[in-house]
Amino acid sequence: MKQSAITTTNNTSSHAWAAFNGTRPKGNLGKVLALDDFEKLARAYLPRALYGYIAGSAETRQSWKDNYSAYEQWGFVPRVLQNVARRSQKTTLFNHEWSSPFGIAPMGIAALSTHDGDRVLARAAQHANIPFILSGSSLTRLEAVMEEAPASWFQAYLPGEQYRINALIDRVQAAGVGTLVITVDIPVAGNRENNIRAGFSTPLRPSARLVWDGISHPRWLLNTFLRTLLNGIPHFENSFAERGAPIISSRVDRDFSHREHLDWEHIKKIRNRWPGHLIIKGILNQQDASMAKGIGVDGIIVSNHGGRQLDGAVSPLRVLPGIINAAGHLPVMLDGGIRRGSDVIKAMSLGAKFVFLGRPFNFAAAAASERGVAHAISLLQAEIDRNMAMLGVNRLGELGNEFLMKMK
């Protein structure tokens, strides 16, 4: 009997039978079949110092490793014969219907991963209708990013000085930002020994090693670094209301002062001043989730900073159910260790409203600029779509812990 042609049932994913038919993307992205594939390309493209900064974490990498192993400890319990022909991964968050339940996490100095990296990430996210969070450690002015991608969110690292907080909040509001993310897990810097071993610092200190690092990666040197320098040495543009330190300097230090003074009283004052959506990122403790709810924030991102801060801090996935219980009605989001659509599904089955990924999109930008980021987004969307079908659900809201079983 002649088989009928197979057609897809939605427009958010790749053909679900593509692998059986040998289908793959055209061009230099043809071998990128999963998010992890981007890291290999990025490692070849980036100087050792930059790759080490992006890929690295704190001390013995306990938290970084646990971010992955936490997902491996859950197995799926799928339903069958459920008629999944009407699948959709659209997700509503803060009165906006996003095309997928994931976004791009804030990443500092992305403009050195690929030319104009902050706007590359923002444009790709805007086109795909997923949220992009601009980092407070970015090298592109917030206002320029918002002009091109007005749905972008902004993430801030704050000093414990109220007048400087107020000035930054006012600037962010004037730029048209609707969602402000405050990262609260960095009162001091994590012990990132890997930065020293890789030769990375902020600002970058000119040295023979750093020069050789650039020369030995000529594609990055020509396509990213020298193109960037045509507009002058980049600065940290969004740490405060005023311009910050240059990214390259032998004498200037970045201003990390007074971060250890930041406390819940500052968050209360921010809540009173900030009219938009307010999210606290970096919560792992149920008591802190309760504090955030009491202050009136609009959401929580459960995070251990990608394993880059307190080494040994628990994986966000492990504490997610307890945080959800403490947060009540607040949407609870998560980042850390997500590399597959199955990871997204597991987090959402345990109650996460949304998830964020950082390193994979940074590596995708380094590998192929905006095309790379768009391809990374489509890969993850296709995996989510496929997993929904095989689990037997049409909507992400149908997911629950009954689809999971602890394996270890």
Protein backbone atom coordinates (compact mmCIF):
# COMPACT_ATOMS: atom_id res chain seq x y z
CA MET A 1 0.00 0.00 0.00
CA LYS A 2 1.30 3.44 -0.88
CA GLN A 3 2.01 5.52 2.20
CA SER A 4 0.56 9.00 2.38
CA ALA A 5 2.78 12.01 2.87
CA ILE A 6 3.47 12.98 6.45
CA THR A 7 2.68 16.56 7.37
CA THR A 8 3.31 18.55 10.50
CA THR A 9 0.42 19.74 12.64
CA ASN A 10 1.88 23.05 13.81
CA ASN A 11 4.33 25.70 12.69
CA THR A 12 6.50 25.96 15.82
CA SER A 13 8.76 22.97 15.28
CA SER A 14 10.80 21.15 12.70
CA HIS A 15 9.29 18.17 10.92
CA ALA A 16 8.85 15.49 13.60
CA TRP A 17 10.07 12.78 11.23
CA ALA A 18 13.06 14.71 9.88
CA ALA A 19 15.69 12.42 11.40
CA PHE A 20 14.07 9.36 9.80
CA ASN A 21 14.22 11.07 6.43
CA GLY A 22 17.82 12.23 6.88
CA THR A 23 16.83 15.89 6.84
CA ARG A 24 19.26 18.43 8.26
CA PRO A 25 19.80 22.19 7.99
CA LYS A 26 21.72 23.49 5.02
CA GLY A 27 25.10 25.24 5.24
CA ASN A 28 27.58 25.29 8.12
CA LEU A 29 24.86 24.56 10.66
CA GLY A 30 24.10 21.21 9.07
CA LYS A 31 26.02 19.32 11.73
CA VAL A 32 24.44 21.20 14.62
CA LEU A 33 21.69 18.81 15.65
CA ALA A 34 21.56 19.64 19.38
CA LEU A 35 22.47 22.59 21.59
CA ASP A 36 25.66 20.92 22.85
CA ASP A 37 27.01 20.88 19.29
CA PHE A 38 27.35 24.66 19.39
CA GLU A 39 29.92 24.51 22.18
CA LYS A 40 32.40 22.64 19.98
CA LEU A 41 32.13 25.29 17.27
CA ALA A 42 32.36 28.14 19.77
CA ARG A 43 35.43 26.67 21.46
CA ALA A 44 37.24 26.63 18.12
CA TYR A 45 36.17 30.20 17.34
CA LEU A 46 36.71 31.96 20.66
CA PRO A 47 40.02 32.85 22.31
CA ARG A 48 40.81 30.65 25.28
CA ALA A 49 40.15 33.44 27.78
CA LEU A 50 36.64 34.15 26.48
CA TYR A 51 35.68 30.51 26.09
CA GLY A 52 36.90 29.85 29.62
CA TYR A 53 34.81 32.72 30.98
CA ILE A 54 31.62 31.49 29.31
CA ALA A 55 32.05 27.79 30.01
CA GLY A 56 33.56 28.11 33.47
CA SER A 57 32.06 27.89 36.92
CA ALA A 58 33.24 28.10 40.52
CA GLU A 59 35.88 26.00 42.30
CA THR A 60 35.32 22.23 41.84
CA ARG A 61 32.18 22.70 39.69
CA GLN A 62 29.91 20.78 42.07
CA SER A 63 26.91 23.00 41.40
CA TRP A 64 27.53 23.06 37.65
CA LYS A 65 27.61 19.24 37.55
CA ASP A 66 24.54 18.89 39.76
CA ASN A 67 22.57 21.19 37.49
CA TYR A 68 22.79 18.44 34.86
CA SER A 69 22.57 15.34 37.04
CA ALA A 70 19.36 16.60 38.68
CA TYR A 71 17.53 16.16 35.36
CA GLU A 72 18.95 12.69 34.83
CA GLN A 73 17.32 11.53 38.05
CA TRP A 74 13.83 11.89 36.60
CA GLY A 75 12.29 9.58 34.01
CA PHE A 76 9.13 10.07 31.96
CA VAL A 77 5.90 8.13 32.39
CA PRO A 78 4.14 8.85 29.07
CA ARG A 79 0.52 8.38 28.01
CA VAL A 80 -0.32 6.87 24.61
CA LEU A 81 -3.23 7.06 22.15
CA GLN A 82 -4.08 10.60 23.25
CA ASN A 83 -4.52 12.29 19.82
CA VAL A 84 -1.77 14.91 20.02
CA ALA A 85 -2.44 16.47 16.62
CA ARG A 86 -3.19 19.91 18.11
CA ARG A 87 0.02 20.50 20.03
CA SER A 88 1.05 24.00 21.03
CA GLN A 89 3.88 25.15 23.29
CA LYS A 90 2.63 28.72 23.55
CA THR A 91 2.90 30.05 27.09
CA THR A 92 1.39 33.15 28.64
CA LEU A 93 3.57 35.02 31.12
CA PHE A 94 3.03 38.58 32.35
CA ASN A 95 0.11 39.11 29.97
CA HIS A 96 2.16 38.17 26.91
CA GLU A 97 1.72 34.99 24.89
CA TRP A 98 5.20 33.68 24.11
CA SER A 99 5.78 31.14 21.35
CA SER A 100 7.67 28.78 23.68
CA PRO A 101 8.22 28.34 27.43
CA PHE A 102 11.89 29.31 27.40
CA GLY A 103 13.95 32.45 27.05
CA ILE A 104 17.53 33.68 26.80
CA ALA A 105 19.15 34.24 30.19
CA PRO A 106 21.29 37.32 30.92
CA MET A 107 24.94 36.92 29.89
CA GLY A 108 27.65 39.51 30.41
CA ILE A 109 30.01 40.74 27.67
CA ALA A 110 28.12 38.84 24.95
CA ALA A 111 29.33 41.49 22.51
CA LEU A 112 32.76 39.81 22.61
CA SER A 113 31.33 36.40 21.69
CA THR A 114 30.11 37.70 18.35
CA HIS A 115 30.00 41.17 16.84
CA ASP A 116 27.14 43.18 18.35
CA GLY A 117 26.27 40.12 20.41
CA ASP A 118 23.71 41.71 22.73
CA ARG A 119 21.62 42.91 19.82
CA VAL A 120 22.15 39.62 17.97
CA LEU A 121 20.59 37.74 20.89
CA ALA A 122 17.84 40.32 21.34
CA ARG A 123 16.86 40.30 17.65
CA ALA A 124 16.76 36.51 17.46
CA ALA A 125 14.58 36.36 20.57
CA GLN A 126 12.27 39.10 19.28
CA HIS A 127 11.86 37.31 15.95
CA ALA A 128 11.08 34.01 17.70
CA ASN A 129 8.78 35.68 20.24
CA ILE A 130 10.67 34.48 23.29
CA PRO A 131 12.03 36.73 26.08
CA PHE A 132 15.61 37.95 26.08
CA ILE A 133 17.12 39.30 29.30
CA LEU A 134 19.86 41.90 28.76
CA SER A 135 22.61 41.60 31.35
CA GLY A 136 23.68 44.47 33.59
CA SER A 137 27.23 43.43 32.61
CA SER A 138 26.55 44.00 28.90
CA LEU A 139 28.65 46.15 26.57
CA THR A 140 25.74 47.57 24.54
CA ARG A 141 23.65 50.43 25.82
CA LEU A 142 20.27 49.32 27.11
CA GLU A 143 18.53 52.01 25.07
CA ALA A 144 20.00 50.68 21.81
CA VAL A 145 18.82 47.14 22.55
CA MET A 146 15.31 48.31 23.45
CA GLU A 147 15.03 50.22 20.17
CA GLU A 148 15.59 47.01 18.19
CA ALA A 149 13.87 44.55 20.53
CA PRO A 150 11.32 46.37 22.70
CA ALA A 151 10.08 43.15 24.35
CA SER A 152 13.48 42.61 26.01
CA TRP A 153 13.82 42.39 29.78
CA PHE A 154 16.67 43.92 31.80
CA GLN A 155 18.70 42.28 34.56
CA ALA A 156 20.49 44.40 37.15
CA TYR A 157 23.30 43.83 39.63
CA LEU A 158 22.75 46.42 42.32
CA PRO A 159 24.97 48.12 44.88
CA GLY A 160 23.56 48.69 48.33
CA GLU A 161 23.43 52.45 47.75
CA GLN A 162 19.90 53.71 47.35
CA TYR A 163 20.70 56.80 45.32
CA ARG A 164 22.56 54.71 42.72
CA ILE A 165 19.76 52.15 42.66
CA ASN A 166 17.19 54.89 42.11
CA ALA A 167 19.17 56.41 39.25
CA LEU A 168 19.49 53.06 37.47
CA ILE A 169 15.82 52.19 37.98
CA ASP A 170 14.80 55.55 36.52
CA ARG A 171 17.05 55.00 33.51
CA VAL A 172 15.65 51.51 32.90
CA GLN A 173 12.10 52.82 33.06
CA ALA A 174 12.90 55.68 30.68
CA ALA A 175 14.31 53.14 28.20
CA GLY A 176 10.90 51.46 27.99
CA VAL A 177 11.71 48.25 29.84
CA GLY A 178 8.61 46.48 31.14
CA THR A 179 10.24 43.65 33.10
CA LEU A 180 13.10 44.20 35.55
CA VAL A 181 15.10 41.25 36.89
CA ILE A 182 17.19 41.77 40.04
CA THR A 183 19.94 39.18 40.53
CA VAL A 184 20.45 38.69 44.26
CA ASP A 185 22.99 35.86 44.60
CA ILE A 186 26.19 37.84 44.08
CA PRO A 187 26.97 39.88 47.24
CA VAL A 188 30.59 38.98 46.45
CA ALA A 189 32.14 37.31 43.43
CA GLY A 190 32.30 33.53 43.30
CA ASN A 191 35.72 31.90 43.41
CA ARG A 192 36.15 31.49 39.67
CA GLU A 193 39.64 30.06 39.57
CA ASN A 194 38.96 29.06 35.97
CA ASN A 195 39.06 32.75 34.97
CA ILE A 196 42.62 33.05 36.23
CA ARG A 197 43.69 29.81 34.58
CA ALA A 198 42.13 30.91 31.27
CA GLY A 199 43.64 34.40 31.46
CA PHE A 200 40.31 36.17 31.75
CA SER A 201 39.55 39.27 33.80
CA THR A 202 37.17 42.22 33.68
CA PRO A 203 38.46 44.53 32.45
CA LEU A 204 40.78 42.47 30.24
CA ARG A 205 44.41 43.29 31.08
CA PRO A 206 46.64 43.65 28.00
CA SER A 207 49.38 41.02 28.00
CA ALA A 208 51.45 38.96 25.60
CA ARG A 209 49.29 35.95 26.41
CA LEU A 210 46.08 37.82 25.64
CA VAL A 211 47.50 39.17 22.36
CA TRP A 212 48.55 35.68 21.29
CA ASP A 213 45.14 34.38 22.30
CA GLY A 214 43.57 36.79 19.82
CA ILE A 215 46.08 36.28 17.02
CA SER A 216 45.74 32.52 17.24
CA HIS A 217 41.99 32.88 16.61
CA PRO A 218 42.01 35.02 13.45
CA ARG A 219 38.32 34.58 12.59
CA TRP A 220 37.30 35.96 16.00
CA LEU A 221 39.97 38.67 15.78
CA LEU A 222 38.73 39.94 12.41
CA ASN A 223 34.99 39.26 12.58
CA THR A 224 34.33 40.18 16.20
CA PHE A 225 37.10 42.05 17.97
CA LEU A 226 38.43 44.39 15.27
CA ARG A 227 34.92 45.14 13.99
CA THR A 228 33.94 46.04 17.54
CA LEU A 229 36.96 48.32 17.99
CA LEU A 230 35.92 50.37 14.95
CA ASN A 231 33.47 52.09 17.30
CA GLY A 232 36.03 52.41 20.10
CA ILE A 233 36.78 50.26 23.12
CA PRO A 234 33.49 48.93 24.56
CA HIS A 235 32.49 49.84 28.10
CA PHE A 236 30.21 48.25 30.66
CA GLU A 237 27.21 50.34 29.70
CA ASN A 238 24.45 49.20 32.04
CA SER A 239 25.91 48.48 35.46
CA PHE A 240 24.74 51.87 36.71
CA ALA A 241 22.95 54.92 35.40
CA GLU A 242 26.33 56.22 34.24
CA ARG A 243 28.82 54.53 31.94
CA GLY A 244 31.08 51.95 33.54
CA ALA A 245 34.65 50.78 33.01
CA PRO A 246 36.12 49.90 29.60
CA ILE A 247 36.39 46.20 28.76
CA ILE A 248 40.14 46.59 28.10
CA SER A 249 42.30 48.50 30.56
CA SER A 250 45.58 48.05 32.40
CA ARG A 251 44.66 50.58 35.10
CA VAL A 252 40.89 50.86 35.55
CA ASP A 253 38.93 48.48 37.80
CA ARG A 254 35.20 47.72 37.61
CA ASP A 255 33.09 49.07 40.42
CA PHE A 256 31.69 46.20 42.49
CA SER A 257 31.37 48.30 45.62
CA HIS A 258 28.66 47.92 48.26
CA ARG A 259 26.96 44.86 46.77
CA GLU A 260 27.27 43.12 50.12
CA HIS A 261 25.01 45.81 51.61
CA LEU A 262 22.03 44.95 49.41
CA ASP A 263 19.11 43.54 51.44
CA TRP A 264 15.34 43.09 51.41
CA GLU A 265 14.75 46.72 52.41
CA HIS A 266 16.26 47.77 49.09
CA ILE A 267 13.93 45.38 47.26
CA LYS A 268 10.93 46.93 49.06
CA LYS A 269 11.98 50.39 47.91
CA ILE A 270 12.52 49.15 44.37
CA ARG A 271 9.03 47.63 44.41
CA ASN A 272 7.59 51.00 45.44
CA ARG A 273 9.53 52.83 42.74
CA TRP A 274 9.32 50.37 39.84
CA PRO A 275 5.92 50.29 38.04
CA GLY A 276 6.62 47.29 35.79
CA HIS A 277 7.04 43.59 36.40
CA LEU A 278 9.66 42.85 39.06
CA ILE A 279 11.45 39.49 39.17
CA ILE A 280 13.97 38.25 41.73
CA LYS A 281 16.62 35.92 40.29
CA GLY A 282 18.88 33.69 42.36
CA ILE A 283 16.52 32.27 44.99
CA LEU A 284 17.09 28.71 46.27
CA ASN A 285 15.60 28.97 49.76
CA GLN A 286 11.88 28.74 50.58
CA GLN A 287 12.16 31.50 53.20
CA ASP A 288 13.47 33.87 50.55
CA ALA A 289 10.64 32.89 48.23
CA SER A 290 8.17 33.79 50.99
CA MET A 291 9.94 37.12 51.54
CA ALA A 292 9.74 37.92 47.84
CA LYS A 293 6.04 37.11 47.76
CA GLY A 294 5.39 39.29 50.81
CA ILE A 295 7.15 42.26 49.23
CA GLY A 296 5.00 41.99 46.14
CA VAL A 297 7.39 40.92 43.39
CA ASP A 298 5.83 39.50 40.25
CA GLY A 299 7.97 36.42 39.78
CA ILE A 300 10.96 34.36 40.92
CA ILE A 301 13.76 32.74 38.94
CA VAL A 302 15.18 29.80 40.85
CA SER A 303 18.90 29.79 40.05
CA ASN A 304 22.37 29.01 41.37
CA HIS A 305 23.95 31.34 38.77
CA GLY A 306 24.85 28.45 36.50
CA GLY A 307 27.22 27.10 39.14
CA ARG A 308 29.30 30.28 38.97
CA GLN A 309 28.77 31.53 42.54
CA LEU A 310 28.54 29.30 45.64
CA ASP A 311 30.06 25.97 44.67
CA GLY A 312 27.96 23.23 46.22
CA ALA A 313 24.75 25.24 46.03
CA VAL A 314 21.87 22.90 45.25
CA SER A 315 20.52 22.51 41.73
CA PRO A 316 17.45 24.71 41.08
CA LEU A 317 15.47 21.68 39.89
CA ARG A 318 15.85 19.96 43.28
CA VAL A 319 14.33 22.84 45.24
CA LEU A 320 11.78 23.88 42.63
CA PRO A 321 8.70 22.20 44.21
CA GLY A 322 9.41 23.73 47.63
CA ILE A 323 9.93 27.18 46.14
CA ILE A 324 6.63 26.88 44.26
CA ASN A 325 4.82 26.02 47.50
CA ALA A 326 6.36 29.01 49.27
CA ALA A 327 5.74 31.41 46.37
CA GLY A 328 2.01 30.76 46.21
CA HIS A 329 0.45 32.51 43.22
CA LEU A 330 3.74 33.87 41.88
CA PRO A 331 5.05 32.41 38.61
CA VAL A 332 8.24 30.49 39.42
CA MET A 333 10.83 30.22 36.66
CA LEU A 334 14.14 28.36 36.56
CA ASP A 335 17.54 28.31 34.93
CA GLY A 336 20.55 26.03 35.15
CA GLY A 337 21.51 22.83 33.36
CA ILE A 338 18.85 22.87 30.64
CA ARG A 339 20.19 21.58 27.34
CA ARG A 340 17.32 19.55 25.89
CA GLY A 341 13.61 19.88 25.32
CA SER A 342 13.21 16.98 27.73
CA ASP A 343 14.83 19.13 30.44
CA VAL A 344 12.29 21.89 29.78
CA ILE A 345 9.45 19.37 30.01
CA LYS A 346 10.77 17.94 33.29
CA ALA A 347 11.04 21.38 34.87
CA MET A 348 7.51 22.28 33.78
CA SER A 349 6.15 18.93 34.99
CA LEU A 350 7.54 19.83 38.42
CA GLY A 351 5.74 23.17 38.29
CA ALA A 352 8.06 25.69 36.60
CA LYS A 353 6.16 28.31 34.62
CA PHE A 354 9.10 29.18 32.37
CA VAL A 355 12.81 28.36 31.97
CA PHE A 356 15.91 30.22 30.78
CA LEU A 357 19.15 29.13 29.10
CA GLY A 358 22.39 31.09 28.89
CA ARG A 359 25.55 29.34 27.73
CA PRO A 360 23.99 27.45 24.76
CA PHE A 361 22.72 30.66 23.19
CA ASN A 362 26.04 32.39 23.82
CA PHE A 363 27.86 29.54 22.07
CA ALA A 364 25.31 29.64 19.24
CA ALA A 365 25.95 33.36 18.76
CA ALA A 366 29.72 32.77 18.68
CA ALA A 367 29.32 29.95 16.17
CA ALA A 368 27.01 31.66 13.67
CA SER A 369 25.75 35.00 15.00
CA GLU A 370 22.00 35.58 14.66
CA ARG A 371 21.53 32.54 12.40
CA GLY A 372 23.10 30.39 15.07
CA VAL A 373 20.83 31.72 17.81
CA ALA A 374 17.75 31.26 15.60
CA HIS A 375 18.83 27.69 14.88
CA ALA A 376 19.35 27.01 18.59
CA ILE A 377 15.85 28.29 19.34
CA SER A 378 14.32 26.11 16.62
CA LEU A 379 16.19 23.01 17.84
CA LEU A 380 14.83 23.42 21.36
CA GLN A 381 11.34 24.15 20.08
CA ALA A 382 11.40 21.01 17.95
CA GLU A 383 12.50 18.88 20.90
CA ILE A 384 9.75 20.26 23.13
CA ASP A 385 7.16 19.65 20.42
CA ARG A 386 8.34 16.08 19.85
CA ASN A 387 8.43 15.29 23.56
CA MET A 388 4.92 16.66 24.06
CA ALA A 389 3.65 14.31 21.38
CA MET A 390 5.36 11.27 22.86
CA LEU A 391 4.20 12.15 26.37
CA GLY A 392 0.62 12.45 25.15
CA VAL A 393 -0.11 16.15 25.78
CA ASN A 394 -1.32 18.97 23.53
CA ARG A 395 -0.73 21.85 25.96
CA LEU A 396 2.05 22.48 28.44
CA GLY A 397 -0.58 23.16 31.09
CA GLU A 398 -1.47 19.46 30.98
CA LEU A 399 1.93 18.53 32.41
CA GLY A 400 2.26 17.49 36.03
CA ASN A 401 4.40 15.29 38.24
CA GLU A 402 2.32 12.25 37.23
CA PHE A 403 4.42 12.25 34.04
CA LEU A 404 7.63 11.78 36.05
CA MET A 405 9.21 9.06 38.15
CA LYS A 406 12.35 9.35 40.29
CA MET A 407 14.97 7.02 38.84
CA LYS A 408 17.89 7.42 41.28
